[in-house]
Amino acid sequence: MPAEDPNDYKQGKWLSPEDPKSYRKGIWFNQARINFELVRVNKKLIEALNTLIKSLQADRSTQGLTEMDFAGFQALLTEAGKIATDVASIDPPGCQGPPPY
């Protein structure tokens, strides 16, 4: 039996799998929330790693830092950032956030 409020899935009220359309909307909505959190975590990690790289580049007096390929690290982080952004654009389910904690 379909729910009276079509937004029940947004409020965490799981609808029955016997109502495939509403159930699918609920799954997509929650997957979009998961995508939002994964993208947010990825971007925070990328930001932290970029900050670390800048600090290491500023002080190359530590043994071994003069030989490090910081450009390679930067390229990998740029690629990771693009992938994280692409995850948010997949539709459905897309990206929906932030969750109401």
PDB file of N, CA and C in Angstrom:
ATOM      1  N   MET A   1       0.851  -1.185   0.000  1.00  0.00           N
ATOM      2  CA  MET A   1       0.000   0.000   0.000  1.00  0.00           C
ATOM      3  C   MET A   1       0.891   1.241   0.000  1.00  0.00           C
ATOM      4  N   PRO A   2       0.715   2.171  -0.930  1.00  0.00           N
ATOM      5  CA  PRO A   2       1.537   3.376  -0.995  1.00  0.00           C
ATOM      6  C   PRO A   2       1.339   4.259   0.235  1.00  0.00           C
ATOM      7  N   ALA A   3       2.397   4.929   0.627  1.00  0.00           N
ATOM      8  CA  ALA A   3       2.325   5.842   1.766  1.00  0.00           C
ATOM      9  C   ALA A   3       1.523   7.079   1.368  1.00  0.00           C
ATOM     10  N   GLU A   4       0.887   7.699   2.358  1.00  0.00           N
ATOM     11  CA  GLU A   4       0.129   8.913   2.055  1.00  0.00           C
ATOM     12  C   GLU A   4       1.055  10.089   1.784  1.00  0.00           C
ATOM     13  N   ASP A   5       2.168  10.164   2.500  1.00  0.00           N
ATOM     14  CA  ASP A   5       3.128  11.246   2.316  1.00  0.00           C
ATOM     15  C   ASP A   5       4.263  10.748   1.420  1.00  0.00           C
ATOM     16  N   PRO A   6       4.417  11.309   0.219  1.00  0.00           N
ATOM     17  CA  PRO A   6       5.462  10.828  -0.686  1.00  0.00           C
ATOM     18  C   PRO A   6       6.870  11.117  -0.170  1.00  0.00           C
ATOM     19  N   ASN A   7       7.001  11.905   0.890  1.00  0.00           N
ATOM     20  CA  ASN A   7       8.313  12.214   1.446  1.00  0.00           C
ATOM     21  C   ASN A   7       8.661  11.359   2.661  1.00  0.00           C
ATOM     22  N   ASP A   8       7.873  10.336   2.943  1.00  0.00           N
ATOM     23  CA  ASP A   8       8.157   9.473   4.091  1.00  0.00           C
ATOM     24  C   ASP A   8       9.577   8.926   4.053  1.00  0.00           C
ATOM     25  N   TYR A   9      10.046   8.568   2.868  1.00  0.00           N
ATOM     26  CA  TYR A   9      11.388   7.997   2.763  1.00  0.00           C
ATOM     27  C   TYR A   9      12.442   8.998   3.196  1.00  0.00           C
ATOM     28  N   LYS A  10      12.182  10.301   3.034  1.00  0.00           N
ATOM     29  CA  LYS A  10      13.139  11.328   3.440  1.00  0.00           C
ATOM     30  C   LYS A  10      13.205  11.439   4.967  1.00  0.00           C
ATOM     31  N   GLN A  11      12.176  10.998   5.626  1.00  0.00           N
ATOM     32  CA  GLN A  11      12.116  11.096   7.076  1.00  0.00           C
ATOM     33  C   GLN A  11      12.468   9.768   7.734  1.00  0.00           C
ATOM     34  N   GLY A  12      13.047   8.858   6.970  1.00  0.00           N
ATOM     35  CA  GLY A  12      13.477   7.583   7.526  1.00  0.00           C
ATOM     36  C   GLY A  12      12.363   6.589   7.744  1.00  0.00           C
ATOM     37  N   LYS A  13      11.177   6.842   7.221  1.00  0.00           N
ATOM     38  CA  LYS A  13      10.059   5.910   7.363  1.00  0.00           C
ATOM     39  C   LYS A  13      10.128   4.944   6.189  1.00  0.00           C
ATOM     40  N   TRP A  14      10.692   3.767   6.438  1.00  0.00           N
ATOM     41  CA  TRP A  14      10.860   2.794   5.351  1.00  0.00           C
ATOM     42  C   TRP A  14       9.526   2.272   4.885  1.00  0.00           C
ATOM     43  N   LEU A  15       9.401   2.262   3.604  1.00  0.00           N
ATOM     44  CA  LEU A  15       8.191   1.732   2.995  1.00  0.00           C
ATOM     45  C   LEU A  15       8.432   0.286   2.609  1.00  0.00           C
ATOM     46  N   SER A  16       7.401  -0.399   2.448  1.00  0.00           N
ATOM     47  CA  SER A  16       7.476  -1.825   2.180  1.00  0.00           C
ATOM     48  C   SER A  16       8.059  -2.122   0.804  1.00  0.00           C
ATOM     49  N   PRO A  17       8.894  -3.172   0.696  1.00  0.00           N
ATOM     50  CA  PRO A  17       9.383  -3.593  -0.626  1.00  0.00           C
ATOM     51  C   PRO A  17       8.248  -3.975  -1.571  1.00  0.00           C
ATOM     52  N   GLU A  18       7.060  -4.222  -1.017  1.00  0.00           N
ATOM     53  CA  GLU A  18       5.916  -4.547  -1.867  1.00  0.00           C
ATOM     54  C   GLU A  18       5.449  -3.313  -2.650  1.00  0.00           C
ATOM     55  N   ASP A  19       5.907  -2.133  -2.246  1.00  0.00           N
ATOM     56  CA  ASP A  19       5.602  -0.897  -2.969  1.00  0.00           C
ATOM     57  C   ASP A  19       6.908  -0.462  -3.642  1.00  0.00           C
ATOM     58  N   PRO A  20       7.246  -1.097  -4.777  1.00  0.00           N
ATOM     59  CA  PRO A  20       8.573  -0.918  -5.380  1.00  0.00           C
ATOM     60  C   PRO A  20       8.954   0.523  -5.688  1.00  0.00           C
ATOM     61  N   LYS A  21       8.019   1.324  -6.155  1.00  0.00           N
ATOM     62  CA  LYS A  21       8.359   2.702  -6.524  1.00  0.00           C
ATOM     63  C   LYS A  21       8.796   3.514  -5.300  1.00  0.00           C
ATOM     64  N   SER A  22       8.029   3.457  -4.242  1.00  0.00           N
ATOM     65  CA  SER A  22       8.371   4.193  -3.022  1.00  0.00           C
ATOM     66  C   SER A  22       9.614   3.616  -2.361  1.00  0.00           C
ATOM     67  N   TYR A  23       9.733   2.318  -2.359  1.00  0.00           N
ATOM     68  CA  TYR A  23      10.893   1.651  -1.754  1.00  0.00           C
ATOM     69  C   TYR A  23      12.169   2.053  -2.488  1.00  0.00           C
ATOM     70  N   ARG A  24      12.114   2.091  -3.818  1.00  0.00           N
ATOM     71  CA  ARG A  24      13.269   2.481  -4.629  1.00  0.00           C
ATOM     72  C   ARG A  24      13.649   3.939  -4.347  1.00  0.00           C
ATOM     73  N   LYS A  25      12.654   4.823  -4.207  1.00  0.00           N
ATOM     74  CA  LYS A  25      12.940   6.217  -3.878  1.00  0.00           C
ATOM     75  C   LYS A  25      13.663   6.313  -2.536  1.00  0.00           C
ATOM     76  N   GLY A  26      13.221   5.516  -1.582  1.00  0.00           N
ATOM     77  CA  GLY A  26      13.861   5.516  -0.262  1.00  0.00           C
ATOM     78  C   GLY A  26      15.303   5.059  -0.341  1.00  0.00           C
ATOM     79  N   ILE A  27      15.546   4.024  -1.102  1.00  0.00           N
ATOM     80  CA  ILE A  27      16.909   3.515  -1.264  1.00  0.00           C
ATOM     81  C   ILE A  27      17.768   4.559  -1.969  1.00  0.00           C
ATOM     82  N   TRP A  28      17.264   5.149  -3.030  1.00  0.00           N
ATOM     83  CA  TRP A  28      18.030   6.166  -3.767  1.00  0.00           C
ATOM     84  C   TRP A  28      18.339   7.359  -2.875  1.00  0.00           C
ATOM     85  N   PHE A  29      17.349   7.792  -2.113  1.00  0.00           N
ATOM     86  CA  PHE A  29      17.564   8.951  -1.240  1.00  0.00           C
ATOM     87  C   PHE A  29      18.661   8.660  -0.218  1.00  0.00           C
ATOM     88  N   ASN A  30      18.590   7.498   0.402  1.00  0.00           N
ATOM     89  CA  ASN A  30      19.599   7.160   1.406  1.00  0.00           C
ATOM     90  C   ASN A  30      20.964   6.919   0.769  1.00  0.00           C
ATOM     91  N   GLN A  31      21.000   6.366  -0.431  1.00  0.00           N
ATOM     92  CA  GLN A  31      22.278   6.206  -1.125  1.00  0.00           C
ATOM     93  C   GLN A  31      22.867   7.578  -1.471  1.00  0.00           C
ATOM     94  N   ALA A  32      22.008   8.518  -1.818  1.00  0.00           N
ATOM     95  CA  ALA A  32      22.478   9.878  -2.087  1.00  0.00           C
ATOM     96  C   ALA A  32      23.096  10.496  -0.844  1.00  0.00           C
ATOM     97  N   ARG A  33      22.525  10.209   0.304  1.00  0.00           N
ATOM     98  CA  ARG A  33      23.103  10.699   1.569  1.00  0.00           C
ATOM     99  C   ARG A  33      24.466  10.053   1.820  1.00  0.00           C
ATOM    100  N   ILE A  34      24.568   8.763   1.563  1.00  0.00           N
ATOM    101  CA  ILE A  34      25.851   8.072   1.720  1.00  0.00           C
ATOM    102  C   ILE A  34      26.875   8.686   0.772  1.00  0.00           C
ATOM    103  N   ASN A  35      26.480   8.924  -0.472  1.00  0.00           N
ATOM    104  CA  ASN A  35      27.381   9.544  -1.444  1.00  0.00           C
ATOM    105  C   ASN A  35      27.872  10.896  -0.938  1.00  0.00           C
ATOM    106  N   PHE A  36      26.972  11.689  -0.368  1.00  0.00           N
ATOM    107  CA  PHE A  36      27.340  13.003   0.158  1.00  0.00           C
ATOM    108  C   PHE A  36      28.434  12.860   1.208  1.00  0.00           C
ATOM    109  N   GLU A  37      28.246  11.941   2.139  1.00  0.00           N
ATOM    110  CA  GLU A  37      29.227  11.763   3.212  1.00  0.00           C
ATOM    111  C   GLU A  37      30.564  11.246   2.667  1.00  0.00           C
ATOM    112  N   LEU A  38      30.518  10.324   1.723  1.00  0.00           N
ATOM    113  CA  LEU A  38      31.767   9.815   1.143  1.00  0.00           C
ATOM    114  C   LEU A  38      32.529  10.917   0.412  1.00  0.00           C
ATOM    115  N   VAL A  39      31.824  11.728  -0.343  1.00  0.00           N
ATOM    116  CA  VAL A  39      32.468  12.829  -1.055  1.00  0.00           C
ATOM    117  C   VAL A  39      33.047  13.820  -0.051  1.00  0.00           C
ATOM    118  N   ARG A  40      32.293  14.114   1.008  1.00  0.00           N
ATOM    119  CA  ARG A  40      32.775  15.055   2.026  1.00  0.00           C
ATOM    120  C   ARG A  40      34.038  14.544   2.705  1.00  0.00           C
ATOM    121  N   VAL A  41      34.061  13.272   3.062  1.00  0.00           N
ATOM    122  CA  VAL A  41      35.249  12.679   3.683  1.00  0.00           C
ATOM    123  C   VAL A  41      36.427  12.718   2.720  1.00  0.00           C
ATOM    124  N   ASN A  42      36.191  12.336   1.478  1.00  0.00           N
ATOM    125  CA  ASN A  42      37.273  12.344   0.482  1.00  0.00           C
ATOM    126  C   ASN A  42      37.862  13.741   0.326  1.00  0.00           C
ATOM    127  N   LYS A  43      37.007  14.742   0.233  1.00  0.00           N
ATOM    128  CA  LYS A  43      37.496  16.111   0.042  1.00  0.00           C
ATOM    129  C   LYS A  43      38.270  16.593   1.264  1.00  0.00           C
ATOM    130  N   LYS A  44      37.839  16.213   2.457  1.00  0.00           N
ATOM    131  CA  LYS A  44      38.565  16.589   3.679  1.00  0.00           C
ATOM    132  C   LYS A  44      39.935  15.921   3.717  1.00  0.00           C
ATOM    133  N   LEU A  45      40.000  14.657   3.333  1.00  0.00           N
ATOM    134  CA  LEU A  45      41.290  13.960   3.298  1.00  0.00           C
ATOM    135  C   LEU A  45      42.221  14.583   2.268  1.00  0.00           C
ATOM    136  N   ILE A  46      41.686  14.922   1.111  1.00  0.00           N
ATOM    137  CA  ILE A  46      42.488  15.569   0.069  1.00  0.00           C
ATOM    138  C   ILE A  46      43.011  16.908   0.577  1.00  0.00           C
ATOM    139  N   GLU A  47      42.162  17.662   1.236  1.00  0.00           N
ATOM    140  CA  GLU A  47      42.566  18.960   1.798  1.00  0.00           C
ATOM    141  C   GLU A  47      43.689  18.775   2.827  1.00  0.00           C
ATOM    142  N   ALA A  48      43.538  17.775   3.698  1.00  0.00           N
ATOM    143  CA  ALA A  48      44.562  17.512   4.716  1.00  0.00           C
ATOM    144  C   ALA A  48      45.889  17.106   4.069  1.00  0.00           C
ATOM    145  N   LEU A  49      45.827  16.257   3.077  1.00  0.00           N
ATOM    146  CA  LEU A  49      47.049  15.830   2.401  1.00  0.00           C
ATOM    147  C   LEU A  49      47.713  16.984   1.652  1.00  0.00           C
ATOM    148  N   ASN A  50      46.917  17.847   1.034  1.00  0.00           N
ATOM    149  CA  ASN A  50      47.483  19.024   0.365  1.00  0.00           C
ATOM    150  C   ASN A  50      48.182  19.940   1.364  1.00  0.00           C
ATOM    151  N   THR A  51      47.592  20.108   2.542  1.00  0.00           N
ATOM    152  CA  THR A  51      48.211  20.923   3.595  1.00  0.00           C
ATOM    153  C   THR A  51      49.522  20.295   4.044  1.00  0.00           C
ATOM    154  N   LEU A  52      49.539  18.993   4.208  1.00  0.00           N
ATOM    155  CA  LEU A  52      50.765  18.286   4.592  1.00  0.00           C
ATOM    156  C   LEU A  52      51.847  18.452   3.534  1.00  0.00           C
ATOM    157  N   ILE A  53      51.485  18.319   2.278  1.00  0.00           N
ATOM    158  CA  ILE A  53      52.452  18.467   1.185  1.00  0.00           C
ATOM    159  C   ILE A  53      53.040  19.884   1.180  1.00  0.00           C
ATOM    160  N   LYS A  54      52.191  20.888   1.365  1.00  0.00           N
ATOM    161  CA  LYS A  54      52.683  22.267   1.399  1.00  0.00           C
ATOM    162  C   LYS A  54      53.667  22.465   2.544  1.00  0.00           C
ATOM    163  N   SER A  55      53.369  21.874   3.692  1.00  0.00           N
ATOM    164  CA  SER A  55      54.280  21.982   4.846  1.00  0.00           C
ATOM    165  C   SER A  55      55.606  21.300   4.553  1.00  0.00           C
ATOM    166  N   LEU A  56      55.551  20.140   3.948  1.00  0.00           N
ATOM    167  CA  LEU A  56      56.783  19.417   3.632  1.00  0.00           C
ATOM    168  C   LEU A  56      57.597  20.157   2.571  1.00  0.00           C
ATOM    169  N   GLN A  57      56.921  20.750   1.607  1.00  0.00           N
ATOM    170  CA  GLN A  57      57.623  21.504   0.565  1.00  0.00           C
ATOM    171  C   GLN A  57      58.295  22.752   1.147  1.00  0.00           C
ATOM    172  N   ALA A  58      57.674  23.350   2.145  1.00  0.00           N
ATOM    173  CA  ALA A  58      58.215  24.570   2.735  1.00  0.00           C
ATOM    174  C   ALA A  58      59.491  24.293   3.524  1.00  0.00           C
ATOM    175  N   ASP A  59      59.607  23.098   4.079  1.00  0.00           N
ATOM    176  CA  ASP A  59      60.786  22.761   4.884  1.00  0.00           C
ATOM    177  C   ASP A  59      61.391  21.471   4.355  1.00  0.00           C
ATOM    178  N   ARG A  60      62.264  21.596   3.394  1.00  0.00           N
ATOM    179  CA  ARG A  60      62.900  20.422   2.788  1.00  0.00           C
ATOM    180  C   ARG A  60      64.200  20.059   3.501  1.00  0.00           C
ATOM    181  N   SER A  61      64.413  20.599   4.693  1.00  0.00           N
ATOM    182  CA  SER A  61      65.658  20.307   5.401  1.00  0.00           C
ATOM    183  C   SER A  61      65.670  18.888   5.969  1.00  0.00           C
ATOM    184  N   THR A  62      64.500  18.286   6.131  1.00  0.00           N
ATOM    185  CA  THR A  62      64.423  16.920   6.635  1.00  0.00           C
ATOM    186  C   THR A  62      65.002  15.969   5.593  1.00  0.00           C
ATOM    187  N   GLN A  63      65.818  15.037   6.062  1.00  0.00           N
ATOM    188  CA  GLN A  63      66.477  14.092   5.156  1.00  0.00           C
ATOM    189  C   GLN A  63      65.450  13.337   4.308  1.00  0.00           C
ATOM    190  N   GLY A  64      65.687  13.276   3.027  1.00  0.00           N
ATOM    191  CA  GLY A  64      64.833  12.529   2.120  1.00  0.00           C
ATOM    192  C   GLY A  64      63.797  13.370   1.406  1.00  0.00           C
ATOM    193  N   LEU A  65      63.464  14.556   1.929  1.00  0.00           N
ATOM    194  CA  LEU A  65      62.431  15.379   1.302  1.00  0.00           C
ATOM    195  C   LEU A  65      62.894  15.999  -0.003  1.00  0.00           C
ATOM    196  N   THR A  66      64.185  16.182  -0.159  1.00  0.00           N
ATOM    197  CA  THR A  66      64.666  16.794  -1.398  1.00  0.00           C
ATOM    198  C   THR A  66      64.436  15.898  -2.600  1.00  0.00           C
ATOM    199  N   GLU A  67      64.357  14.589  -2.383  1.00  0.00           N
ATOM    200  CA  GLU A  67      64.145  13.649  -3.493  1.00  0.00           C
ATOM    201  C   GLU A  67      62.680  13.327  -3.742  1.00  0.00           C
ATOM    202  N   MET A  68      61.774  13.803  -2.897  1.00  0.00           N
ATOM    203  CA  MET A  68      60.361  13.443  -3.039  1.00  0.00           C
ATOM    204  C   MET A  68      59.739  14.129  -4.247  1.00  0.00           C
ATOM    205  N   ASP A  69      58.866  13.400  -4.931  1.00  0.00           N
ATOM    206  CA  ASP A  69      58.161  13.908  -6.106  1.00  0.00           C
ATOM    207  C   ASP A  69      56.816  14.492  -5.664  1.00  0.00           C
ATOM    208  N   PHE A  70      56.838  15.737  -5.210  1.00  0.00           N
ATOM    209  CA  PHE A  70      55.605  16.373  -4.752  1.00  0.00           C
ATOM    210  C   PHE A  70      54.626  16.594  -5.899  1.00  0.00           C
ATOM    211  N   ALA A  71      55.134  16.816  -7.101  1.00  0.00           N
ATOM    212  CA  ALA A  71      54.246  17.002  -8.258  1.00  0.00           C
ATOM    213  C   ALA A  71      53.411  15.747  -8.492  1.00  0.00           C
ATOM    214  N   GLY A  72      54.012  14.581  -8.291  1.00  0.00           N
ATOM    215  CA  GLY A  72      53.277  13.319  -8.440  1.00  0.00           C
ATOM    216  C   GLY A  72      52.161  13.198  -7.412  1.00  0.00           C
ATOM    217  N   PHE A  73      52.462  13.584  -6.156  1.00  0.00           N
ATOM    218  CA  PHE A  73      51.425  13.572  -5.110  1.00  0.00           C
ATOM    219  C   PHE A  73      50.288  14.515  -5.474  1.00  0.00           C
ATOM    220  N   GLN A  74      50.646  15.721  -5.925  1.00  0.00           N
ATOM    221  CA  GLN A  74      49.635  16.709  -6.288  1.00  0.00           C
ATOM    222  C   GLN A  74      48.756  16.203  -7.426  1.00  0.00           C
ATOM    223  N   ALA A  75      49.362  15.552  -8.399  1.00  0.00           N
ATOM    224  CA  ALA A  75      48.590  15.021  -9.529  1.00  0.00           C
ATOM    225  C   ALA A  75      47.594  13.959  -9.060  1.00  0.00           C
ATOM    226  N   LEU A  76      48.032  13.093  -8.157  1.00  0.00           N
ATOM    227  CA  LEU A  76      47.142  12.047  -7.634  1.00  0.00           C
ATOM    228  C   LEU A  76      45.997  12.652  -6.826  1.00  0.00           C
ATOM    229  N   LEU A  77      46.299  13.668  -6.043  1.00  0.00           N
ATOM    230  CA  LEU A  77      45.255  14.312  -5.245  1.00  0.00           C
ATOM    231  C   LEU A  77      44.261  15.059  -6.133  1.00  0.00           C
ATOM    232  N   THR A  78      44.749  15.665  -7.192  1.00  0.00           N
ATOM    233  CA  THR A  78      43.856  16.340  -8.142  1.00  0.00           C
ATOM    234  C   THR A  78      42.924  15.321  -8.796  1.00  0.00           C
ATOM    235  N   GLU A  79      43.482  14.189  -9.180  1.00  0.00           N
ATOM    236  CA  GLU A  79      42.668  13.130  -9.790  1.00  0.00           C
ATOM    237  C   GLU A  79      41.626  12.607  -8.799  1.00  0.00           C
ATOM    238  N   ALA A  80      42.037  12.407  -7.548  1.00  0.00           N
ATOM    239  CA  ALA A  80      41.104  11.935  -6.520  1.00  0.00           C
ATOM    240  C   ALA A  80      39.982  12.949  -6.302  1.00  0.00           C
ATOM    241  N   GLY A  81      40.303  14.233  -6.327  1.00  0.00           N
ATOM    242  CA  GLY A  81      39.284  15.268  -6.167  1.00  0.00           C
ATOM    243  C   GLY A  81      38.273  15.246  -7.297  1.00  0.00           C
ATOM    244  N   LYS A  82      38.740  15.013  -8.509  1.00  0.00           N
ATOM    245  CA  LYS A  82      37.827  14.948  -9.656  1.00  0.00           C
ATOM    246  C   LYS A  82      36.900  13.736  -9.528  1.00  0.00           C
ATOM    247  N   ILE A  83      37.456  12.608  -9.111  1.00  0.00           N
ATOM    248  CA  ILE A  83      36.630  11.408  -8.933  1.00  0.00           C
ATOM    249  C   ILE A  83      35.577  11.642  -7.859  1.00  0.00           C
ATOM    250  N   ALA A  84      35.966  12.265  -6.746  1.00  0.00           N
ATOM    251  CA  ALA A  84      35.014  12.549  -5.663  1.00  0.00           C
ATOM    252  C   ALA A  84      33.885  13.448  -6.164  1.00  0.00           C
ATOM    253  N   THR A  85      34.217  14.443  -6.963  1.00  0.00           N
ATOM    254  CA  THR A  85      33.208  15.337  -7.511  1.00  0.00           C
ATOM    255  C   THR A  85      32.292  14.592  -8.477  1.00  0.00           C
ATOM    256  N   ASP A  86      32.853  13.689  -9.268  1.00  0.00           N
ATOM    257  CA  ASP A  86      32.054  12.913 -10.214  1.00  0.00           C
ATOM    258  C   ASP A  86      31.055  12.009  -9.502  1.00  0.00           C
ATOM    259  N   VAL A  87      31.415  11.464  -8.345  1.00  0.00           N
ATOM    260  CA  VAL A  87      30.497  10.601  -7.592  1.00  0.00           C
ATOM    261  C   VAL A  87      29.222  11.367  -7.266  1.00  0.00           C
ATOM    262  N   ALA A  88      29.389  12.626  -6.902  1.00  0.00           N
ATOM    263  CA  ALA A  88      28.233  13.433  -6.515  1.00  0.00           C
ATOM    264  C   ALA A  88      27.312  13.741  -7.687  1.00  0.00           C
ATOM    265  N   SER A  89      27.792  13.589  -8.907  1.00  0.00           N
ATOM    266  CA  SER A  89      26.972  13.950 -10.059  1.00  0.00           C
ATOM    267  C   SER A  89      26.225  12.768 -10.673  1.00  0.00           C
ATOM    268  N   ILE A  90      26.459  11.571 -10.185  1.00  0.00           N
ATOM    269  CA  ILE A  90      25.765  10.400 -10.725  1.00  0.00           C
ATOM    270  C   ILE A  90      24.291  10.489 -10.323  1.00  0.00           C
ATOM    271  N   ASP A  91      23.403  10.406 -11.302  1.00  0.00           N
ATOM    272  CA  ASP A  91      21.990  10.570 -10.995  1.00  0.00           C
ATOM    273  C   ASP A  91      21.163   9.541 -11.747  1.00  0.00           C
ATOM    274  N   PRO A  92      20.301   8.796 -11.085  1.00  0.00           N
ATOM    275  CA  PRO A  92      20.223   8.709  -9.641  1.00  0.00           C
ATOM    276  C   PRO A  92      21.348   7.847  -9.085  1.00  0.00           C
ATOM    277  N   PRO A  93      21.672   7.877  -7.857  1.00  0.00           N
ATOM    278  CA  PRO A  93      20.988   8.607  -6.805  1.00  0.00           C
ATOM    279  C   PRO A  93      21.525  10.002  -6.558  1.00  0.00           C
ATOM    280  N   GLY A  94      22.654  10.363  -7.135  1.00  0.00           N
ATOM    281  CA  GLY A  94      23.171  11.708  -6.916  1.00  0.00           C
ATOM    282  C   GLY A  94      23.758  11.875  -5.539  1.00  0.00           C
ATOM    283  N   CYS A  95      23.630  13.073  -5.025  1.00  0.00           N
ATOM    284  CA  CYS A  95      24.227  13.411  -3.739  1.00  0.00           C
ATOM    285  C   CYS A  95      23.216  14.270  -2.986  1.00  0.00           C
ATOM    286  N   GLN A  96      22.892  13.889  -1.772  1.00  0.00           N
ATOM    287  CA  GLN A  96      21.901  14.602  -0.975  1.00  0.00           C
ATOM    288  C   GLN A  96      22.462  14.783   0.428  1.00  0.00           C
ATOM    289  N   GLY A  97      22.567  15.970   0.846  1.00  0.00           N
ATOM    290  CA  GLY A  97      23.100  16.169   2.181  1.00  0.00           C
ATOM    291  C   GLY A  97      22.835  17.568   2.670  1.00  0.00           C
ATOM    292  N   PRO A  98      23.297  17.842   3.820  1.00  0.00           N
ATOM    293  CA  PRO A  98      23.847  16.889   4.774  1.00  0.00           C
ATOM    294  C   PRO A  98      22.730  16.175   5.531  1.00  0.00           C
ATOM    295  N   PRO A  99      23.044  14.979   6.031  1.00  0.00           N
ATOM    296  CA  PRO A  99      22.045  14.252   6.820  1.00  0.00           C
ATOM    297  C   PRO A  99      21.708  15.002   8.122  1.00  0.00           C
ATOM    298  N   PRO A 100      20.536  14.824   8.638  1.00  0.00           N
ATOM    299  CA  PRO A 100      20.127  15.537   9.861  1.00  0.00           C
ATOM    300  C   PRO A 100      20.642  14.845  11.127  1.00  0.00           C
ATOM    301  N   TYR A 101      21.869  15.092  11.499  1.00  0.00           N
ATOM    302  CA  TYR A 101      22.415  14.485  12.732  1.00  0.00           C
ATOM    303  C   TYR A 101      22.011  15.282  13.939  1.00  0.00           C
TER     304      TYR A 101
END
